[in-house]
Amino acid sequence: MVPSYTCEAIDWSMRSKVSKIAIIVLMTRCEYILNKFLVDKNDLAAFLKYPYIIAGEQPLPKVRIDEIVYVLQELARLVIHSETVSALQLHSYLKEGLHKEENHESRAHLLILFPSFCELVISRETRVRELVLVLLRLISANLGLEKVNAG
């Protein structure tokens, strides 16, 4: 019979490997959804062949708005283990800074999507803008860039 601590170590090793693969797949899919939303929003007027419509004036279908809102909400809820961060394509100085945190939970995955969030800030969809603001605040907190009260 294998000692329980050995089974736990094997189980943790397997879960760690799976989480590292899963985070890469998840971030790739999220980035695709965010970028597709941005492209569709920017190209909608040209796609519909109405040159007099300003890009972004014509709304996207409700299902597309619901999709991006859901993705942004779940990204805000997602917390990953500090060991999973090593699978993310981040600069080494960011990884080192994030590993210095005493907390084993991280939102480093949001850094991967930061460029897309910056573009979504100007979305005409209020829910999208509000959620992006929440995500940018989470990124700031994760980097230790808390707002300083001047009062």
Protein backbone atom coordinates (compact mmCIF):
# COMPACT_ATOMS: atom_id res chain seq x y z
CA MET A 1 0.00 0.00 0.00
CA VAL A 2 1.28 3.46 -0.92
CA PRO A 3 1.51 5.97 1.97
CA SER A 4 -1.19 8.66 1.86
CA TYR A 5 1.34 11.53 1.65
CA THR A 6 2.75 9.94 -1.53
CA CYS A 7 -0.73 9.77 -3.05
CA GLU A 8 -1.31 13.39 -2.08
CA ALA A 9 1.98 14.41 -3.69
CA ILE A 10 1.14 12.54 -6.89
CA ASP A 11 -2.37 14.01 -6.86
CA TRP A 12 -1.00 17.55 -6.37
CA SER A 13 1.56 17.05 -9.12
CA MET A 14 -1.14 15.91 -11.55
CA ARG A 15 -3.49 18.76 -10.58
CA SER A 16 -0.66 21.24 -11.02
CA LYS A 17 0.10 19.94 -14.52
CA VAL A 18 -3.56 20.02 -15.49
CA SER A 19 -4.01 23.55 -14.13
CA LYS A 20 -1.02 24.80 -16.13
CA ILE A 21 -2.43 23.37 -19.35
CA ALA A 22 -5.96 24.55 -18.56
CA ILE A 23 -4.91 28.15 -17.87
CA ILE A 24 -3.15 28.39 -21.23
CA VAL A 25 -6.21 27.03 -23.06
CA LEU A 26 -8.55 29.27 -21.06
CA MET A 27 -6.51 32.44 -21.68
CA THR A 28 -6.24 31.66 -25.39
CA ARG A 29 -10.01 31.26 -25.63
CA CYS A 30 -10.72 34.40 -23.59
CA GLU A 31 -8.30 36.43 -25.69
CA TYR A 32 -10.02 35.16 -28.83
CA ILE A 33 -13.46 36.18 -27.51
CA LEU A 34 -12.27 39.64 -26.45
CA ASN A 35 -10.45 40.29 -29.71
CA LYS A 36 -13.37 39.00 -31.77
CA PHE A 37 -15.68 41.40 -29.93
CA LEU A 38 -13.31 44.30 -30.63
CA VAL A 39 -12.96 43.42 -34.31
CA ASP A 40 -16.69 42.89 -34.77
CA LYS A 41 -17.50 46.14 -33.02
CA ASN A 42 -14.99 48.08 -35.12
CA ASP A 43 -15.86 46.41 -38.42
CA LEU A 44 -19.63 46.27 -38.02
CA ALA A 45 -20.36 49.32 -40.17
CA ALA A 46 -18.11 48.13 -42.98
CA PHE A 47 -19.47 44.60 -42.75
CA LEU A 48 -23.05 45.82 -43.10
CA LYS A 49 -22.00 48.02 -46.03
CA TYR A 50 -23.51 51.14 -44.53
CA PRO A 51 -20.75 53.73 -44.88
CA TYR A 52 -22.84 56.39 -43.16
CA ILE A 53 -23.00 54.40 -39.92
CA ILE A 54 -20.23 55.25 -37.51
CA ALA A 55 -18.41 52.18 -36.23
CA GLY A 56 -19.95 51.11 -32.96
CA GLU A 57 -23.32 52.80 -33.56
CA GLN A 58 -24.97 49.60 -34.73
CA PRO A 59 -25.36 47.25 -31.77
CA LEU A 60 -24.02 43.74 -31.82
CA PRO A 61 -26.51 40.93 -31.26
CA LYS A 62 -27.52 40.49 -27.62
CA VAL A 63 -25.94 37.03 -27.50
CA ARG A 64 -22.53 38.55 -28.34
CA ILE A 65 -22.88 41.18 -25.61
CA ASP A 66 -23.98 38.50 -23.14
CA GLU A 67 -20.99 36.36 -24.09
CA ILE A 68 -18.40 39.04 -23.42
CA VAL A 69 -20.14 40.15 -20.21
CA TYR A 70 -20.08 36.55 -18.97
CA VAL A 71 -16.40 36.14 -19.87
CA LEU A 72 -15.46 39.39 -18.10
CA GLN A 73 -17.48 38.44 -15.00
CA GLU A 74 -15.86 35.02 -14.77
CA LEU A 75 -12.38 36.46 -15.33
CA ALA A 76 -13.00 38.75 -12.35
CA ARG A 77 -14.00 35.75 -10.21
CA LEU A 78 -11.13 33.52 -11.30
CA VAL A 79 -8.21 33.16 -8.91
CA ILE A 80 -5.30 30.88 -9.80
CA HIS A 81 -2.69 29.20 -7.64
CA SER A 82 0.73 30.83 -7.61
CA GLU A 83 2.30 27.71 -9.16
CA THR A 84 -0.06 27.96 -12.13
CA VAL A 85 1.32 31.45 -12.86
CA SER A 86 4.53 29.84 -14.13
CA ALA A 87 2.62 28.56 -17.19
CA LEU A 88 1.58 32.07 -18.24
CA GLN A 89 3.54 33.93 -20.89
CA LEU A 90 4.62 36.80 -18.63
CA HIS A 91 7.90 38.67 -18.44
CA SER A 92 10.17 37.16 -15.80
CA TYR A 93 10.15 40.35 -13.70
CA LEU A 94 6.36 40.13 -13.44
CA LYS A 95 6.47 36.47 -12.44
CA GLU A 96 9.15 37.17 -9.82
CA GLY A 97 7.16 40.06 -8.38
CA LEU A 98 4.01 37.99 -8.22
CA HIS A 99 5.81 35.05 -6.55
CA LYS A 100 6.99 37.33 -3.73
CA GLU A 101 3.40 37.62 -2.58
CA GLU A 102 2.71 35.59 0.55
CA ASN A 103 -0.73 34.69 -0.75
CA HIS A 104 -0.87 31.53 -2.87
CA GLU A 105 -3.77 32.93 -4.89
CA SER A 106 -3.23 35.25 -7.84
CA ARG A 107 -4.98 37.09 -10.62
CA ALA A 108 -1.89 37.10 -12.82
CA HIS A 109 -3.94 35.67 -15.68
CA LEU A 110 -5.50 39.12 -16.08
CA LEU A 111 -2.11 40.53 -17.08
CA ILE A 112 -2.22 38.40 -20.23
CA LEU A 113 -5.43 40.12 -21.28
CA PHE A 114 -4.43 43.64 -20.21
CA PRO A 115 -3.97 44.99 -23.79
CA SER A 116 -7.49 43.84 -24.72
CA PHE A 117 -8.93 45.40 -21.57
CA CYS A 118 -7.31 48.71 -22.50
CA GLU A 119 -9.12 48.66 -25.85
CA LEU A 120 -12.44 47.65 -24.27
CA VAL A 121 -12.41 50.72 -22.01
CA ILE A 122 -14.00 52.75 -24.82
CA SER A 123 -16.77 50.25 -25.56
CA ARG A 124 -20.24 51.77 -25.94
CA GLU A 125 -21.62 48.90 -23.88
CA THR A 126 -21.95 50.17 -20.31
CA ARG A 127 -21.76 46.69 -18.75
CA VAL A 128 -18.56 45.95 -20.65
CA ARG A 129 -16.94 49.23 -19.55
CA GLU A 130 -17.94 48.67 -15.92
CA LEU A 131 -16.55 45.14 -15.87
CA VAL A 132 -13.32 46.23 -17.54
CA LEU A 133 -12.94 48.86 -14.82
CA VAL A 134 -13.32 46.13 -12.19
CA LEU A 135 -10.71 43.99 -13.96
CA LEU A 136 -8.25 46.88 -14.25
CA ARG A 137 -8.64 47.53 -10.52
CA LEU A 138 -7.98 43.85 -9.80
CA ILE A 139 -4.83 44.03 -11.93
CA SER A 140 -3.70 47.12 -10.04
CA ALA A 141 -4.27 45.42 -6.71
CA ASN A 142 -2.43 42.30 -7.87
CA LEU A 143 0.56 44.45 -8.83
CA GLY A 144 0.44 46.32 -5.53
CA LEU A 145 -0.62 49.56 -7.19
CA GLU A 146 -3.36 50.50 -4.77
CA LYS A 147 -4.96 53.94 -5.09
CA VAL A 148 -3.51 56.48 -2.67
CA ASN A 149 -6.09 58.62 -0.90
CA ALA A 150 -5.16 62.28 -1.06
CA GLY A 151 -7.75 63.25 1.53
